Amino acid sequence: MHHVLGNSIAKFSSSIYDSTVLIAVKTLLRKNKPILLGIVTKDGLSTNAENIGKLLNMKNIFFLPFTQDNPLTKPTSLAFSPKYLLKSIEYALEYEQIQPLLL
């Protein structure tokens, strides 16, 4: 699992693999292995929403459940919930997305 920041989300969804982590993800995808992402981004409900949507539709990509970080002061910010880490790993290893995804 890798905490995915907004910049990495945009690169990953556009198939830009220019960091060690993204190259590792590309290798795992090539081997048909599950990838579990924990997103943390200030623009998840604005400019990065499209990129998150692309990743949600990709084969073998799974997310830790996430929520708005603070709807009043940061209305477009998203953050994963570490509370669901172990269960999310179990689901991803079975190639399933844990539900609910949005908390």
N, C-alpha and C. Protein backbone atom coordinates (compact mmCIF):
# COMPACT_ATOMS: atom_id res chain seq x y z
N MET A 1 0.84 -1.17 0.00
CA MET A 1 0.00 0.00 0.00
C MET A 1 0.88 1.23 0.00
N HIS A 2 0.46 2.21 -0.73
CA HIS A 2 1.19 3.47 -0.81
C HIS A 2 0.18 4.59 -0.61
N HIS A 3 0.53 5.57 0.23
CA HIS A 3 -0.31 6.75 0.37
C HIS A 3 -0.14 7.56 -0.90
N VAL A 4 -1.20 7.71 -1.64
CA VAL A 4 -1.11 8.36 -2.94
C VAL A 4 -1.53 9.81 -2.83
N LEU A 5 -0.62 10.69 -3.15
CA LEU A 5 -0.89 12.12 -3.15
C LEU A 5 -1.44 12.53 -4.50
N GLY A 6 -2.02 13.72 -4.55
CA GLY A 6 -2.67 14.20 -5.77
C GLY A 6 -1.80 14.14 -7.00
N ASN A 7 -0.55 14.51 -6.89
CA ASN A 7 0.36 14.50 -8.04
C ASN A 7 0.55 13.07 -8.56
N SER A 8 0.72 12.13 -7.65
CA SER A 8 0.89 10.73 -8.06
C SER A 8 -0.39 10.16 -8.68
N ILE A 9 -1.55 10.58 -8.16
CA ILE A 9 -2.82 10.13 -8.74
C ILE A 9 -2.89 10.57 -10.20
N ALA A 10 -2.56 11.82 -10.46
CA ALA A 10 -2.62 12.35 -11.83
C ALA A 10 -1.64 11.60 -12.74
N LYS A 11 -0.43 11.37 -12.26
CA LYS A 11 0.56 10.67 -13.08
C LYS A 11 0.14 9.22 -13.32
N PHE A 12 -0.27 8.54 -12.28
CA PHE A 12 -0.65 7.14 -12.40
C PHE A 12 -1.82 6.97 -13.36
N SER A 13 -2.84 7.81 -13.24
CA SER A 13 -4.01 7.69 -14.11
C SER A 13 -3.68 8.02 -15.56
N SER A 14 -2.57 8.72 -15.79
CA SER A 14 -2.14 9.07 -17.15
C SER A 14 -0.99 8.19 -17.64
N SER A 15 -0.71 7.11 -16.91
CA SER A 15 0.37 6.17 -17.27
C SER A 15 1.74 6.83 -17.33
N ILE A 16 1.99 7.75 -16.41
CA ILE A 16 3.32 8.37 -16.29
C ILE A 16 3.99 7.73 -15.08
N TYR A 17 5.04 6.97 -15.35
CA TYR A 17 5.73 6.22 -14.30
C TYR A 17 7.14 6.79 -14.15
N ASP A 18 7.26 7.88 -13.40
CA ASP A 18 8.54 8.57 -13.29
C ASP A 18 9.10 8.62 -11.87
N SER A 19 8.63 7.73 -11.03
CA SER A 19 9.17 7.63 -9.67
C SER A 19 9.32 6.16 -9.32
N THR A 20 10.08 5.90 -8.29
CA THR A 20 10.30 4.52 -7.86
C THR A 20 8.99 3.83 -7.53
N VAL A 21 8.11 4.52 -6.82
CA VAL A 21 6.83 3.93 -6.42
C VAL A 21 5.97 3.63 -7.64
N LEU A 22 5.87 4.58 -8.56
CA LEU A 22 5.04 4.36 -9.75
C LEU A 22 5.60 3.27 -10.66
N ILE A 23 6.91 3.15 -10.73
CA ILE A 23 7.51 2.06 -11.50
C ILE A 23 7.19 0.72 -10.84
N ALA A 24 7.22 0.69 -9.51
CA ALA A 24 6.87 -0.54 -8.79
C ALA A 24 5.41 -0.91 -9.04
N VAL A 25 4.53 0.07 -9.06
CA VAL A 25 3.12 -0.17 -9.34
C VAL A 25 2.95 -0.73 -10.75
N LYS A 26 3.64 -0.14 -11.70
CA LYS A 26 3.57 -0.62 -13.09
C LYS A 26 4.01 -2.08 -13.17
N THR A 27 5.07 -2.43 -12.47
CA THR A 27 5.57 -3.80 -12.47
C THR A 27 4.54 -4.75 -11.88
N LEU A 28 3.92 -4.37 -10.77
CA LEU A 28 2.90 -5.22 -10.15
C LEU A 28 1.69 -5.39 -11.07
N LEU A 29 1.28 -4.33 -11.74
CA LEU A 29 0.16 -4.42 -12.67
C LEU A 29 0.49 -5.36 -13.83
N ARG A 30 1.72 -5.28 -14.30
CA ARG A 30 2.15 -6.16 -15.40
C ARG A 30 2.09 -7.63 -14.98
N LYS A 31 2.29 -7.88 -13.69
CA LYS A 31 2.25 -9.24 -13.16
C LYS A 31 0.86 -9.63 -12.67
N ASN A 32 -0.13 -8.77 -12.96
CA ASN A 32 -1.53 -9.03 -12.59
C ASN A 32 -1.74 -9.14 -11.08
N LYS A 33 -1.01 -8.31 -10.31
CA LYS A 33 -1.11 -8.29 -8.85
C LYS A 33 -2.01 -7.14 -8.41
N PRO A 34 -2.68 -7.28 -7.27
CA PRO A 34 -3.53 -6.19 -6.78
C PRO A 34 -2.71 -5.03 -6.21
N ILE A 35 -3.19 -3.84 -6.41
CA ILE A 35 -2.59 -2.62 -5.88
C ILE A 35 -3.61 -1.98 -4.94
N LEU A 36 -3.21 -1.71 -3.72
CA LEU A 36 -4.09 -1.05 -2.74
C LEU A 36 -3.58 0.36 -2.52
N LEU A 37 -4.43 1.34 -2.77
CA LEU A 37 -4.07 2.74 -2.65
C LEU A 37 -4.80 3.41 -1.49
N GLY A 38 -4.07 4.22 -0.75
CA GLY A 38 -4.66 5.07 0.27
C GLY A 38 -4.48 6.51 -0.18
N ILE A 39 -5.56 7.15 -0.61
CA ILE A 39 -5.42 8.49 -1.19
C ILE A 39 -5.46 9.57 -0.12
N VAL A 40 -4.64 10.58 -0.35
CA VAL A 40 -4.60 11.79 0.46
C VAL A 40 -4.37 12.93 -0.52
N THR A 41 -5.39 13.74 -0.74
CA THR A 41 -5.26 14.81 -1.72
C THR A 41 -6.17 15.99 -1.37
N LYS A 42 -5.66 17.17 -1.61
CA LYS A 42 -6.43 18.39 -1.34
C LYS A 42 -7.46 18.66 -2.43
N ASP A 43 -7.30 18.04 -3.60
CA ASP A 43 -8.18 18.34 -4.72
C ASP A 43 -8.92 17.11 -5.25
N GLY A 44 -9.21 16.16 -4.37
CA GLY A 44 -9.88 14.92 -4.76
C GLY A 44 -11.30 15.11 -5.27
N LEU A 45 -11.95 16.16 -4.82
CA LEU A 45 -13.31 16.44 -5.28
C LEU A 45 -13.34 17.63 -6.23
N SER A 46 -12.18 17.95 -6.79
CA SER A 46 -12.14 19.02 -7.80
C SER A 46 -11.27 18.53 -8.96
N THR A 47 -10.10 19.09 -9.15
CA THR A 47 -9.30 18.77 -10.32
C THR A 47 -8.82 17.32 -10.39
N ASN A 48 -8.73 16.64 -9.27
CA ASN A 48 -8.26 15.25 -9.29
C ASN A 48 -9.39 14.23 -9.31
N ALA A 49 -10.63 14.67 -9.28
CA ALA A 49 -11.77 13.74 -9.29
C ALA A 49 -11.76 12.86 -10.54
N GLU A 50 -11.45 13.43 -11.68
CA GLU A 50 -11.41 12.65 -12.93
C GLU A 50 -10.34 11.56 -12.84
N ASN A 51 -9.18 11.90 -12.29
CA ASN A 51 -8.09 10.93 -12.18
C ASN A 51 -8.45 9.79 -11.23
N ILE A 52 -9.09 10.11 -10.13
CA ILE A 52 -9.54 9.08 -9.19
C ILE A 52 -10.55 8.17 -9.88
N GLY A 53 -11.45 8.76 -10.65
CA GLY A 53 -12.43 7.99 -11.41
C GLY A 53 -11.77 7.02 -12.37
N LYS A 54 -10.71 7.47 -13.05
CA LYS A 54 -9.99 6.57 -13.97
C LYS A 54 -9.40 5.39 -13.21
N LEU A 55 -8.80 5.66 -12.05
CA LEU A 55 -8.18 4.59 -11.27
C LEU A 55 -9.22 3.63 -10.71
N LEU A 56 -10.40 4.14 -10.35
CA LEU A 56 -11.47 3.28 -9.85
C LEU A 56 -11.91 2.26 -10.90
N ASN A 57 -11.74 2.61 -12.16
CA ASN A 57 -12.14 1.72 -13.25
C ASN A 57 -11.02 0.81 -13.77
N MET A 58 -9.84 0.94 -13.21
CA MET A 58 -8.72 0.11 -13.66
C MET A 58 -8.73 -1.25 -12.98
N LYS A 59 -8.38 -2.26 -13.75
CA LYS A 59 -8.29 -3.62 -13.24
C LYS A 59 -7.16 -3.71 -12.20
N ASN A 60 -7.42 -4.42 -11.11
CA ASN A 60 -6.46 -4.70 -10.05
C ASN A 60 -6.06 -3.49 -9.19
N ILE A 61 -6.79 -2.39 -9.30
CA ILE A 61 -6.55 -1.21 -8.46
C ILE A 61 -7.66 -1.16 -7.42
N PHE A 62 -7.27 -1.09 -6.16
CA PHE A 62 -8.23 -1.06 -5.06
C PHE A 62 -7.88 0.09 -4.12
N PHE A 63 -8.89 0.63 -3.46
CA PHE A 63 -8.70 1.78 -2.60
C PHE A 63 -9.07 1.45 -1.16
N LEU A 64 -8.35 2.06 -0.24
CA LEU A 64 -8.81 2.09 1.13
C LEU A 64 -10.01 3.02 1.15
N PRO A 65 -11.02 2.73 1.95
CA PRO A 65 -12.15 3.66 2.04
C PRO A 65 -11.66 5.07 2.40
N PHE A 66 -12.31 6.06 1.81
CA PHE A 66 -11.89 7.44 2.06
C PHE A 66 -13.09 8.33 2.32
N THR A 67 -12.79 9.50 2.87
CA THR A 67 -13.81 10.46 3.23
C THR A 67 -13.28 11.87 2.98
N GLN A 68 -14.17 12.85 3.08
CA GLN A 68 -13.71 14.23 3.02
C GLN A 68 -12.90 14.50 4.27
N ASP A 69 -11.75 15.10 4.10
CA ASP A 69 -10.84 15.38 5.19
C ASP A 69 -11.49 16.31 6.22
N ASN A 70 -12.00 17.43 5.75
CA ASN A 70 -12.71 18.39 6.60
C ASN A 70 -13.62 19.21 5.68
N PRO A 71 -14.88 18.78 5.56
CA PRO A 71 -15.79 19.41 4.59
C PRO A 71 -15.97 20.92 4.76
N LEU A 72 -15.82 21.44 5.96
CA LEU A 72 -16.04 22.86 6.18
C LEU A 72 -14.85 23.72 5.78
N THR A 73 -13.64 23.31 6.14
CA THR A 73 -12.48 24.13 5.84
C THR A 73 -11.72 23.68 4.59
N LYS A 74 -11.89 22.40 4.20
CA LYS A 74 -11.22 21.86 3.01
C LYS A 74 -12.24 21.05 2.21
N PRO A 75 -13.17 21.71 1.54
CA PRO A 75 -14.30 21.02 0.91
C PRO A 75 -13.96 20.06 -0.24
N THR A 76 -12.77 20.15 -0.82
CA THR A 76 -12.43 19.23 -1.91
C THR A 76 -11.38 18.19 -1.50
N SER A 77 -10.97 18.22 -0.24
CA SER A 77 -9.92 17.34 0.25
C SER A 77 -10.45 15.95 0.60
N LEU A 78 -9.67 14.91 0.23
CA LEU A 78 -10.02 13.53 0.56
C LEU A 78 -8.86 12.87 1.30
N ALA A 79 -9.20 11.96 2.21
CA ALA A 79 -8.17 11.20 2.93
C ALA A 79 -8.71 9.81 3.23
N PHE A 80 -7.82 8.82 3.12
CA PHE A 80 -8.21 7.44 3.42
C PHE A 80 -8.36 7.25 4.92
N SER A 81 -9.07 6.21 5.28
CA SER A 81 -9.26 5.87 6.69
C SER A 81 -8.38 4.67 7.04
N PRO A 82 -7.36 4.85 7.88
CA PRO A 82 -6.48 3.74 8.25
C PRO A 82 -7.20 2.65 9.04
N LYS A 83 -8.35 2.97 9.57
CA LYS A 83 -9.15 2.01 10.35
C LYS A 83 -9.47 0.75 9.53
N TYR A 84 -9.55 0.89 8.21
CA TYR A 84 -9.95 -0.21 7.33
C TYR A 84 -8.77 -0.90 6.65
N LEU A 85 -7.55 -0.64 7.08
CA LEU A 85 -6.37 -1.15 6.40
C LEU A 85 -6.34 -2.67 6.30
N LEU A 86 -6.44 -3.37 7.40
CA LEU A 86 -6.33 -4.83 7.36
C LEU A 86 -7.43 -5.47 6.53
N LYS A 87 -8.65 -5.01 6.70
CA LYS A 87 -9.78 -5.56 5.94
C LYS A 87 -9.61 -5.24 4.45
N SER A 88 -9.11 -4.05 4.13
CA SER A 88 -8.89 -3.67 2.73
C SER A 88 -7.83 -4.55 2.09
N ILE A 89 -6.80 -4.88 2.84
CA ILE A 89 -5.76 -5.78 2.32
C ILE A 89 -6.37 -7.14 2.01
N GLU A 90 -7.17 -7.66 2.93
CA GLU A 90 -7.81 -8.96 2.72
C GLU A 90 -8.65 -8.95 1.44
N TYR A 91 -9.44 -7.90 1.26
CA TYR A 91 -10.28 -7.80 0.06
C TYR A 91 -9.43 -7.68 -1.20
N ALA A 92 -8.42 -6.83 -1.17
CA ALA A 92 -7.58 -6.63 -2.36
C ALA A 92 -6.89 -7.93 -2.76
N LEU A 93 -6.46 -8.71 -1.79
CA LEU A 93 -5.82 -10.00 -2.11
C LEU A 93 -6.79 -10.98 -2.76
N GLU A 94 -8.09 -10.73 -2.58
CA GLU A 94 -9.13 -11.52 -3.25
C GLU A 94 -9.63 -10.82 -4.51
N TYR A 95 -8.96 -9.72 -4.88
CA TYR A 95 -9.29 -8.91 -6.07
C TYR A 95 -10.70 -8.34 -5.98
N GLU A 96 -11.03 -7.84 -4.79
CA GLU A 96 -12.33 -7.19 -4.55
C GLU A 96 -12.11 -5.86 -3.86
N GLN A 97 -12.99 -4.91 -4.16
CA GLN A 97 -12.96 -3.61 -3.51
C GLN A 97 -13.80 -3.67 -2.25
N ILE A 98 -13.22 -3.31 -1.11
CA ILE A 98 -13.99 -3.25 0.12
C ILE A 98 -15.08 -2.19 -0.02
N GLN A 99 -16.19 -2.44 0.61
CA GLN A 99 -17.31 -1.49 0.60
C GLN A 99 -17.73 -1.20 2.03
N PRO A 100 -18.20 -0.03 2.33
CA PRO A 100 -18.35 1.10 1.41
C PRO A 100 -17.00 1.74 1.13
N LEU A 101 -16.85 2.28 -0.06
CA LEU A 101 -15.62 2.96 -0.44
C LEU A 101 -15.62 4.40 0.07
N LEU A 102 -16.78 5.04 -0.05
CA LEU A 102 -16.92 6.43 0.42
C LEU A 102 -17.55 6.44 1.80
N LEU A 103 -16.85 7.01 2.74
CA LEU A 103 -17.35 7.05 4.13
C LEU A 103 -18.02 8.37 4.44
